[in-house]
Structures are given as C-alpha cells and as structure tokens.
Amino acid sequence: MDDTFTAETCVSSDGKVVAFVASFRNQSVHCSITCDALERHFWLPAGANEARTLKAFADGHQRITAAVERRLLKKTGAPIVLSAADFADR
C-alpha cells in the first residue's frame, strides 16, 4: 500500500465509525473502522469525543493500514469496513 490515508479522515455523524480513504496501487478506496473496533483493540474509551477517537485512529495507523492491505489483497476497489473481528488474534 502507498501507506496513505487522506486528510478527510472523520468520525461519522452518528459516532459509530471513522471514515477515511486509503490509496492502494494508485487507486483510492473508501474505508471505515468501527468505533467498537477502536474501543476493543486500540484503547479508545467508550463514549470518547471526536478528538480522542481520531487520536486512537492515528495511534493505530500501522495496524489499521495492515488490516486494510489484507482486505485489499483479497478484493480491490470495494469499500472496506473494518470491525473488531479484523483485529482479533493479531
């Protein structure tokens, strides 16, 4: 992966996911990670505000990138939604 997430990383209006765009092999892919995954695997406190949620996302950048890469190797182009299951036993 080009290891790039766009600057448009944001928390959804319902606060349930962090949305971002990843660049992979010169292709942009819309991605998201559930806040449940961030709470279970990235030390995000339940009910955290937007700033804290984005910090947990940034702190977990390498692991999130690796999970996106694994999914893109299976199927490119489709939007990716990462859940807690994507980080279990890793």
PDB file of N, CA and C in Angstrom:
ATOM      1  N   MET A   1       0.853  -1.172   0.000  1.00  0.00           N
ATOM      2  CA  MET A   1       0.000   0.000   0.000  1.00  0.00           C
ATOM      3  C   MET A   1       0.894   1.228   0.000  1.00  0.00           C
ATOM      4  N   ASP A   2       0.410   2.278  -0.599  1.00  0.00           N
ATOM      5  CA  ASP A   2       1.154   3.528  -0.614  1.00  0.00           C
ATOM      6  C   ASP A   2       1.242   4.118   0.779  1.00  0.00           C
ATOM      7  N   ASP A   3       0.544   3.496   1.733  1.00  0.00           N
ATOM      8  CA  ASP A   3       0.558   3.909   3.137  1.00  0.00           C
ATOM      9  C   ASP A   3       0.033   5.322   3.313  1.00  0.00           C
ATOM     10  N   THR A   4      -1.021   5.630   2.591  1.00  0.00           N
ATOM     11  CA  THR A   4      -1.579   6.969   2.733  1.00  0.00           C
ATOM     12  C   THR A   4      -3.061   6.917   3.054  1.00  0.00           C
ATOM     13  N   PHE A   5      -3.433   7.687   4.042  1.00  0.00           N
ATOM     14  CA  PHE A   5      -4.828   7.949   4.340  1.00  0.00           C
ATOM     15  C   PHE A   5      -5.014   9.422   4.047  1.00  0.00           C
ATOM     16  N   THR A   6      -6.133   9.781   3.484  1.00  0.00           N
ATOM     17  CA  THR A   6      -6.351  11.178   3.138  1.00  0.00           C
ATOM     18  C   THR A   6      -6.633  12.020   4.373  1.00  0.00           C
ATOM     19  N   ALA A   7      -6.531  13.300   4.195  1.00  0.00           N
ATOM     20  CA  ALA A   7      -6.776  14.243   5.287  1.00  0.00           C
ATOM     21  C   ALA A   7      -8.251  14.297   5.663  1.00  0.00           C
ATOM     22  N   GLU A   8      -9.118  13.690   4.856  1.00  0.00           N
ATOM     23  CA  GLU A   8     -10.548  13.742   5.122  1.00  0.00           C
ATOM     24  C   GLU A   8     -11.005  12.735   6.170  1.00  0.00           C
ATOM     25  N   THR A   9     -10.097  12.169   6.936  1.00  0.00           N
ATOM     26  CA  THR A   9     -10.473  11.234   7.992  1.00  0.00           C
ATOM     27  C   THR A   9     -11.424  11.937   8.951  1.00  0.00           C
ATOM     28  N   CYS A  10     -12.574  11.306   9.220  1.00  0.00           N
ATOM     29  CA  CYS A  10     -13.559  11.941  10.096  1.00  0.00           C
ATOM     30  C   CYS A  10     -14.413  10.893  10.801  1.00  0.00           C
ATOM     31  N   VAL A  11     -14.991  11.316  11.901  1.00  0.00           N
ATOM     32  CA  VAL A  11     -15.936  10.485  12.635  1.00  0.00           C
ATOM     33  C   VAL A  11     -17.313  10.713  12.017  1.00  0.00           C
ATOM     34  N   SER A  12     -18.047   9.636  11.795  1.00  0.00           N
ATOM     35  CA  SER A  12     -19.384   9.755  11.205  1.00  0.00           C
ATOM     36  C   SER A  12     -20.307  10.558  12.120  1.00  0.00           C
ATOM     37  N   SER A  13     -21.374  11.080  11.556  1.00  0.00           N
ATOM     38  CA  SER A  13     -22.291  11.915  12.339  1.00  0.00           C
ATOM     39  C   SER A  13     -22.955  11.141  13.478  1.00  0.00           C
ATOM     40  N   ASP A  14     -23.109   9.824  13.318  1.00  0.00           N
ATOM     41  CA  ASP A  14     -23.692   9.026  14.400  1.00  0.00           C
ATOM     42  C   ASP A  14     -22.640   8.539  15.399  1.00  0.00           C
ATOM     43  N   GLY A  15     -21.358   8.830  15.118  1.00  0.00           N
ATOM     44  CA  GLY A  15     -20.276   8.478  16.034  1.00  0.00           C
ATOM     45  C   GLY A  15     -19.920   7.005  16.068  1.00  0.00           C
ATOM     46  N   LYS A  16     -20.373   6.235  15.087  1.00  0.00           N
ATOM     47  CA  LYS A  16     -20.141   4.789  15.114  1.00  0.00           C
ATOM     48  C   LYS A  16     -18.939   4.324  14.311  1.00  0.00           C
ATOM     49  N   VAL A  17     -18.456   5.141  13.370  1.00  0.00           N
ATOM     50  CA  VAL A  17     -17.305   4.758  12.552  1.00  0.00           C
ATOM     51  C   VAL A  17     -16.399   5.954  12.298  1.00  0.00           C
ATOM     52  N   VAL A  18     -15.148   5.640  11.987  1.00  0.00           N
ATOM     53  CA  VAL A  18     -14.213   6.633  11.474  1.00  0.00           C
ATOM     54  C   VAL A  18     -14.060   6.316   9.993  1.00  0.00           C
ATOM     55  N   ALA A  19     -14.352   7.280   9.147  1.00  0.00           N
ATOM     56  CA  ALA A  19     -14.275   7.104   7.700  1.00  0.00           C
ATOM     57  C   ALA A  19     -12.976   7.711   7.188  1.00  0.00           C
ATOM     58  N   PHE A  20     -12.388   7.028   6.208  1.00  0.00           N
ATOM     59  CA  PHE A  20     -11.143   7.511   5.612  1.00  0.00           C
ATOM     60  C   PHE A  20     -11.010   6.936   4.215  1.00  0.00           C
ATOM     61  N   VAL A  21     -10.089   7.476   3.444  1.00  0.00           N
ATOM     62  CA  VAL A  21      -9.798   6.969   2.110  1.00  0.00           C
ATOM     63  C   VAL A  21      -8.357   6.499   2.120  1.00  0.00           C
ATOM     64  N   ALA A  22      -8.146   5.280   1.637  1.00  0.00           N
ATOM     65  CA  ALA A  22      -6.799   4.723   1.551  1.00  0.00           C
ATOM     66  C   ALA A  22      -6.387   4.673   0.086  1.00  0.00           C
ATOM     67  N   SER A  23      -5.110   4.863  -0.167  1.00  0.00           N
ATOM     68  CA  SER A  23      -4.576   4.768  -1.515  1.00  0.00           C
ATOM     69  C   SER A  23      -3.834   3.445  -1.644  1.00  0.00           C
ATOM     70  N   PHE A  24      -4.198   2.660  -2.639  1.00  0.00           N
ATOM     71  CA  PHE A  24      -3.609   1.343  -2.848  1.00  0.00           C
ATOM     72  C   PHE A  24      -3.412   1.132  -4.336  1.00  0.00           C
ATOM     73  N   ARG A  25      -2.156   0.943  -4.739  1.00  0.00           N
ATOM     74  CA  ARG A  25      -1.838   0.705  -6.153  1.00  0.00           C
ATOM     75  C   ARG A  25      -2.499   1.739  -7.064  1.00  0.00           C
ATOM     76  N   ASN A  26      -2.287   2.983  -6.723  1.00  0.00           N
ATOM     77  CA  ASN A  26      -2.817   4.116  -7.490  1.00  0.00           C
ATOM     78  C   ASN A  26      -4.340   4.143  -7.568  1.00  0.00           C
ATOM     79  N   GLN A  27      -4.993   3.549  -6.599  1.00  0.00           N
ATOM     80  CA  GLN A  27      -6.449   3.544  -6.545  1.00  0.00           C
ATOM     81  C   GLN A  27      -6.891   4.010  -5.163  1.00  0.00           C
ATOM     82  N   SER A  28      -7.879   4.883  -5.116  1.00  0.00           N
ATOM     83  CA  SER A  28      -8.430   5.334  -3.839  1.00  0.00           C
ATOM     84  C   SER A  28      -9.582   4.425  -3.442  1.00  0.00           C
ATOM     85  N   VAL A  29      -9.574   3.999  -2.175  1.00  0.00           N
ATOM     86  CA  VAL A  29     -10.603   3.092  -1.672  1.00  0.00           C
ATOM     87  C   VAL A  29     -11.226   3.715  -0.429  1.00  0.00           C
ATOM     88  N   HIS A  30     -12.547   3.820  -0.415  1.00  0.00           N
ATOM     89  CA  HIS A  30     -13.258   4.335   0.758  1.00  0.00           C
ATOM     90  C   HIS A  30     -13.264   3.261   1.835  1.00  0.00           C
ATOM     91  N   CYS A  31     -12.859   3.640   3.031  1.00  0.00           N
ATOM     92  CA  CYS A  31     -12.745   2.705   4.144  1.00  0.00           C
ATOM     93  C   CYS A  31     -13.361   3.314   5.397  1.00  0.00           C
ATOM     94  N   SER A  32     -13.642   2.441   6.338  1.00  0.00           N
ATOM     95  CA  SER A  32     -14.057   2.893   7.664  1.00  0.00           C
ATOM     96  C   SER A  32     -13.681   1.827   8.677  1.00  0.00           C
ATOM     97  N   ILE A  33     -13.581   2.253   9.914  1.00  0.00           N
ATOM     98  CA  ILE A  33     -13.330   1.345  11.022  1.00  0.00           C
ATOM     99  C   ILE A  33     -14.359   1.666  12.094  1.00  0.00           C
ATOM    100  N   THR A  34     -14.943   0.642  12.670  1.00  0.00           N
ATOM    101  CA  THR A  34     -15.969   0.876  13.685  1.00  0.00           C
ATOM    102  C   THR A  34     -15.334   1.390  14.974  1.00  0.00           C
ATOM    103  N   CYS A  35     -16.071   2.214  15.677  1.00  0.00           N
ATOM    104  CA  CYS A  35     -15.588   2.684  16.977  1.00  0.00           C
ATOM    105  C   CYS A  35     -15.515   1.522  17.959  1.00  0.00           C
ATOM    106  N   ASP A  36     -16.345   0.506  17.765  1.00  0.00           N
ATOM    107  CA  ASP A  36     -16.252  -0.703  18.580  1.00  0.00           C
ATOM    108  C   ASP A  36     -14.868  -1.340  18.425  1.00  0.00           C
ATOM    109  N   ALA A  37     -14.355  -1.400  17.198  1.00  0.00           N
ATOM    110  CA  ALA A  37     -13.013  -1.950  16.967  1.00  0.00           C
ATOM    111  C   ALA A  37     -11.958  -1.092  17.660  1.00  0.00           C
ATOM    112  N   LEU A  38     -12.116   0.223  17.587  1.00  0.00           N
ATOM    113  CA  LEU A  38     -11.164   1.114  18.256  1.00  0.00           C
ATOM    114  C   LEU A  38     -11.230   0.943  19.769  1.00  0.00           C
ATOM    115  N   GLU A  39     -12.424   0.726  20.299  1.00  0.00           N
ATOM    116  CA  GLU A  39     -12.569   0.519  21.747  1.00  0.00           C
ATOM    117  C   GLU A  39     -11.961  -0.813  22.178  1.00  0.00           C
ATOM    118  N   ARG A  40     -12.173  -1.847  21.413  1.00  0.00           N
ATOM    119  CA  ARG A  40     -11.698  -3.184  21.790  1.00  0.00           C
ATOM    120  C   ARG A  40     -10.209  -3.403  21.565  1.00  0.00           C
ATOM    121  N   HIS A  41      -9.649  -2.762  20.534  1.00  0.00           N
ATOM    122  CA  HIS A  41      -8.279  -3.083  20.147  1.00  0.00           C
ATOM    123  C   HIS A  41      -7.314  -1.901  20.109  1.00  0.00           C
ATOM    124  N   PHE A  42      -7.804  -0.677  20.319  1.00  0.00           N
ATOM    125  CA  PHE A  42      -6.940   0.496  20.224  1.00  0.00           C
ATOM    126  C   PHE A  42      -7.098   1.439  21.414  1.00  0.00           C
ATOM    127  N   TRP A  43      -7.588   0.945  22.513  1.00  0.00           N
ATOM    128  CA  TRP A  43      -7.659   1.684  23.776  1.00  0.00           C
ATOM    129  C   TRP A  43      -8.521   2.934  23.728  1.00  0.00           C
ATOM    130  N   LEU A  44      -9.510   2.970  22.858  1.00  0.00           N
ATOM    131  CA  LEU A  44     -10.434   4.103  22.834  1.00  0.00           C
ATOM    132  C   LEU A  44     -11.451   3.929  23.955  1.00  0.00           C
ATOM    133  N   PRO A  45     -11.558   4.900  24.862  1.00  0.00           N
ATOM    134  CA  PRO A  45     -12.571   4.793  25.923  1.00  0.00           C
ATOM    135  C   PRO A  45     -13.986   4.871  25.338  1.00  0.00           C
ATOM    136  N   ALA A  46     -14.896   4.096  25.881  1.00  0.00           N
ATOM    137  CA  ALA A  46     -16.291   4.150  25.436  1.00  0.00           C
ATOM    138  C   ALA A  46     -16.828   5.565  25.627  1.00  0.00           C
ATOM    139  N   GLY A  47     -17.555   6.058  24.643  1.00  0.00           N
ATOM    140  CA  GLY A  47     -18.139   7.391  24.728  1.00  0.00           C
ATOM    141  C   GLY A  47     -17.153   8.523  24.517  1.00  0.00           C
ATOM    142  N   ALA A  48     -15.974   8.214  23.982  1.00  0.00           N
ATOM    143  CA  ALA A  48     -14.949   9.243  23.766  1.00  0.00           C
ATOM    144  C   ALA A  48     -15.436  10.286  22.760  1.00  0.00           C
ATOM    145  N   ASN A  49     -14.907  11.497  22.904  1.00  0.00           N
ATOM    146  CA  ASN A  49     -15.272  12.564  21.973  1.00  0.00           C
ATOM    147  C   ASN A  49     -14.548  12.370  20.634  1.00  0.00           C
ATOM    148  N   GLU A  50     -14.880  13.214  19.670  1.00  0.00           N
ATOM    149  CA  GLU A  50     -14.328  13.092  18.322  1.00  0.00           C
ATOM    150  C   GLU A  50     -12.808  13.217  18.308  1.00  0.00           C
ATOM    151  N   ALA A  51     -12.258  14.161  19.046  1.00  0.00           N
ATOM    152  CA  ALA A  51     -10.805  14.358  19.064  1.00  0.00           C
ATOM    153  C   ALA A  51     -10.090  13.113  19.584  1.00  0.00           C
ATOM    154  N   ARG A  52     -10.608  12.529  20.651  1.00  0.00           N
ATOM    155  CA  ARG A  52      -9.990  11.329  21.227  1.00  0.00           C
ATOM    156  C   ARG A  52     -10.134  10.139  20.278  1.00  0.00           C
ATOM    157  N   THR A  53     -11.266  10.053  19.597  1.00  0.00           N
ATOM    158  CA  THR A  53     -11.485   8.975  18.631  1.00  0.00           C
ATOM    159  C   THR A  53     -10.485   9.070  17.486  1.00  0.00           C
ATOM    160  N   LEU A  54     -10.286  10.275  16.962  1.00  0.00           N
ATOM    161  CA  LEU A  54      -9.327  10.460  15.871  1.00  0.00           C
ATOM    162  C   LEU A  54      -7.900  10.207  16.337  1.00  0.00           C
ATOM    163  N   LYS A  55      -7.593  10.501  17.596  1.00  0.00           N
ATOM    164  CA  LYS A  55      -6.261  10.208  18.131  1.00  0.00           C
ATOM    165  C   LYS A  55      -6.045   8.702  18.212  1.00  0.00           C
ATOM    166  N   ALA A  56      -7.043   7.955  18.671  1.00  0.00           N
ATOM    167  CA  ALA A  56      -6.926   6.491  18.726  1.00  0.00           C
ATOM    168  C   ALA A  56      -6.717   5.928  17.322  1.00  0.00           C
ATOM    169  N   PHE A  57      -7.424   6.489  16.352  1.00  0.00           N
ATOM    170  CA  PHE A  57      -7.250   6.082  14.957  1.00  0.00           C
ATOM    171  C   PHE A  57      -5.820   6.360  14.498  1.00  0.00           C
ATOM    172  N   ALA A  58      -5.333   7.561  14.760  1.00  0.00           N
ATOM    173  CA  ALA A  58      -3.975   7.929  14.350  1.00  0.00           C
ATOM    174  C   ALA A  58      -2.929   7.065  15.052  1.00  0.00           C
ATOM    175  N   ASP A  59      -3.135   6.807  16.336  1.00  0.00           N
ATOM    176  CA  ASP A  59      -2.187   5.976  17.081  1.00  0.00           C
ATOM    177  C   ASP A  59      -2.152   4.546  16.544  1.00  0.00           C
ATOM    178  N   GLY A  60      -3.263   4.066  16.010  1.00  0.00           N
ATOM    179  CA  GLY A  60      -3.329   2.707  15.480  1.00  0.00           C
ATOM    180  C   GLY A  60      -3.088   2.616  13.986  1.00  0.00           C
ATOM    181  N   HIS A  61      -2.571   3.677  13.410  1.00  0.00           N
ATOM    182  CA  HIS A  61      -2.381   3.778  11.958  1.00  0.00           C
ATOM    183  C   HIS A  61      -1.721   2.544  11.352  1.00  0.00           C
ATOM    184  N   GLN A  62      -0.631   2.055  11.935  1.00  0.00           N
ATOM    185  CA  GLN A  62       0.091   0.928  11.329  1.00  0.00           C
ATOM    186  C   GLN A  62      -0.755  -0.337  11.292  1.00  0.00           C
ATOM    187  N   ARG A  63      -1.421  -0.652  12.388  1.00  0.00           N
ATOM    188  CA  ARG A  63      -2.257  -1.855  12.420  1.00  0.00           C
ATOM    189  C   ARG A  63      -3.475  -1.711  11.517  1.00  0.00           C
ATOM    190  N   ILE A  64      -4.034  -0.517  11.464  1.00  0.00           N
ATOM    191  CA  ILE A  64      -5.184  -0.275  10.592  1.00  0.00           C
ATOM    192  C   ILE A  64      -4.756  -0.398   9.132  1.00  0.00           C
ATOM    193  N   THR A  65      -3.597   0.156   8.794  1.00  0.00           N
ATOM    194  CA  THR A  65      -3.058   0.038   7.443  1.00  0.00           C
ATOM    195  C   THR A  65      -2.877  -1.425   7.063  1.00  0.00           C
ATOM    196  N   ALA A  66      -2.318  -2.220   7.967  1.00  0.00           N
ATOM    197  CA  ALA A  66      -2.099  -3.644   7.693  1.00  0.00           C
ATOM    198  C   ALA A  66      -3.425  -4.365   7.442  1.00  0.00           C
ATOM    199  N   ALA A  67      -4.452  -4.037   8.223  1.00  0.00           N
ATOM    200  CA  ALA A  67      -5.765  -4.667   8.038  1.00  0.00           C
ATOM    201  C   ALA A  67      -6.375  -4.276   6.691  1.00  0.00           C
ATOM    202  N   VAL A  68      -6.228  -3.004   6.315  1.00  0.00           N
ATOM    203  CA  VAL A  68      -6.723  -2.550   5.014  1.00  0.00           C
ATOM    204  C   VAL A  68      -5.985  -3.285   3.900  1.00  0.00           C
ATOM    205  N   GLU A  69      -4.671  -3.408   4.010  1.00  0.00           N
ATOM    206  CA  GLU A  69      -3.886  -4.118   2.995  1.00  0.00           C
ATOM    207  C   GLU A  69      -4.364  -5.554   2.829  1.00  0.00           C
ATOM    208  N   ARG A  70      -4.590  -6.248   3.951  1.00  0.00           N
ATOM    209  CA  ARG A  70      -5.059  -7.634   3.871  1.00  0.00           C
ATOM    210  C   ARG A  70      -6.383  -7.721   3.120  1.00  0.00           C
ATOM    211  N   ARG A  71      -7.285  -6.811   3.418  1.00  0.00           N
ATOM    212  CA  ARG A  71      -8.598  -6.831   2.755  1.00  0.00           C
ATOM    213  C   ARG A  71      -8.469  -6.487   1.270  1.00  0.00           C
ATOM    214  N   LEU A  72      -7.599  -5.527   0.943  1.00  0.00           N
ATOM    215  CA  LEU A  72      -7.440  -5.124  -0.452  1.00  0.00           C
ATOM    216  C   LEU A  72      -6.781  -6.210  -1.287  1.00  0.00           C
ATOM    217  N   LEU A  73      -5.937  -7.015  -0.675  1.00  0.00           N
ATOM    218  CA  LEU A  73      -5.318  -8.113  -1.413  1.00  0.00           C
ATOM    219  C   LEU A  73      -6.348  -9.175  -1.791  1.00  0.00           C
ATOM    220  N   LYS A  74      -7.405  -9.280  -1.007  1.00  0.00           N
ATOM    221  CA  LYS A  74      -8.474 -10.231  -1.310  1.00  0.00           C
ATOM    222  C   LYS A  74      -9.415  -9.691  -2.382  1.00  0.00           C
ATOM    223  N   LYS A  75      -9.731  -8.402  -2.281  1.00  0.00           N
ATOM    224  CA  LYS A  75     -10.687  -7.799  -3.209  1.00  0.00           C
ATOM    225  C   LYS A  75     -10.418  -6.306  -3.289  1.00  0.00           C
ATOM    226  N   THR A  76      -9.959  -5.851  -4.432  1.00  0.00           N
ATOM    227  CA  THR A  76      -9.653  -4.434  -4.580  1.00  0.00           C
ATOM    228  C   THR A  76     -10.873  -3.664  -5.058  1.00  0.00           C
ATOM    229  N   GLY A  77     -10.888  -2.397  -4.726  1.00  0.00           N
ATOM    230  CA  GLY A  77     -11.901  -1.495  -5.236  1.00  0.00           C
ATOM    231  C   GLY A  77     -13.153  -1.348  -4.405  1.00  0.00           C
ATOM    232  N   ALA A  78     -13.566  -2.398  -3.727  1.00  0.00           N
ATOM    233  CA  ALA A  78     -14.796  -2.333  -2.933  1.00  0.00           C
ATOM    234  C   ALA A  78     -14.546  -1.565  -1.641  1.00  0.00           C
ATOM    235  N   PRO A  79     -15.528  -0.819  -1.167  1.00  0.00           N
ATOM    236  CA  PRO A  79     -15.370  -0.136   0.125  1.00  0.00           C
ATOM    237  C   PRO A  79     -15.074  -1.150   1.232  1.00  0.00           C
ATOM    238  N   ILE A  80     -14.284  -0.738   2.200  1.00  0.00           N
ATOM    239  CA  ILE A  80     -13.864  -1.616   3.295  1.00  0.00           C
ATOM    240  C   ILE A  80     -14.403  -1.072   4.606  1.00  0.00           C
ATOM    241  N   VAL A  81     -15.019  -1.947   5.386  1.00  0.00           N
ATOM    242  CA  VAL A  81     -15.442  -1.608   6.741  1.00  0.00           C
ATOM    243  C   VAL A  81     -14.715  -2.556   7.682  1.00  0.00           C
ATOM    244  N   LEU A  82     -13.797  -2.015   8.470  1.00  0.00           N
ATOM    245  CA  LEU A  82     -13.055  -2.824   9.430  1.00  0.00           C
ATOM    246  C   LEU A  82     -13.839  -2.903  10.729  1.00  0.00           C
ATOM    247  N   SER A  83     -13.911  -4.104  11.283  1.00  0.00           N
ATOM    248  CA  SER A  83     -14.599  -4.312  12.558  1.00  0.00           C
ATOM    249  C   SER A  83     -13.621  -4.925  13.554  1.00  0.00           C
ATOM    250  N   ALA A  84     -14.082  -5.154  14.762  1.00  0.00           N
ATOM    251  CA  ALA A  84     -13.234  -5.760  15.791  1.00  0.00           C
ATOM    252  C   ALA A  84     -12.703  -7.113  15.338  1.00  0.00           C
ATOM    253  N   ALA A  85     -13.474  -7.844  14.545  1.00  0.00           N
ATOM    254  CA  ALA A  85     -13.049  -9.162  14.061  1.00  0.00           C
ATOM    255  C   ALA A  85     -11.777  -9.086  13.216  1.00  0.00           C
ATOM    256  N   ASP A  86     -11.549  -7.961  12.555  1.00  0.00           N
ATOM    257  CA  ASP A  86     -10.350  -7.808  11.726  1.00  0.00           C
ATOM    258  C   ASP A  86      -9.074  -7.699  12.552  1.00  0.00           C
ATOM    259  N   PHE A  87      -9.206  -7.485  13.853  1.00  0.00           N
ATOM    260  CA  PHE A  87      -8.035  -7.318  14.712  1.00  0.00           C
ATOM    261  C   PHE A  87      -7.933  -8.397  15.782  1.00  0.00           C
ATOM    262  N   ALA A  88      -8.875  -9.307  15.809  1.00  0.00           N
ATOM    263  CA  ALA A  88      -8.860 -10.383  16.803  1.00  0.00           C
ATOM    264  C   ALA A  88      -7.694 -11.324  16.522  1.00  0.00           C
ATOM    265  N   ASP A  89      -7.024 -11.743  17.579  1.00  0.00           N
ATOM    266  CA  ASP A  89      -5.914 -12.698  17.479  1.00  0.00           C
ATOM    267  C   ASP A  89      -4.784 -12.209  16.592  1.00  0.00           C
ATOM    268  N   ARG A  90      -4.509 -10.920  16.589  1.00  0.00           N
ATOM    269  CA  ARG A  90      -3.387 -10.394  15.801  1.00  0.00           C
ATOM    270  C   ARG A  90      -2.393  -9.762  16.730  1.00  0.00           C
TER     271      ARG A  90
END
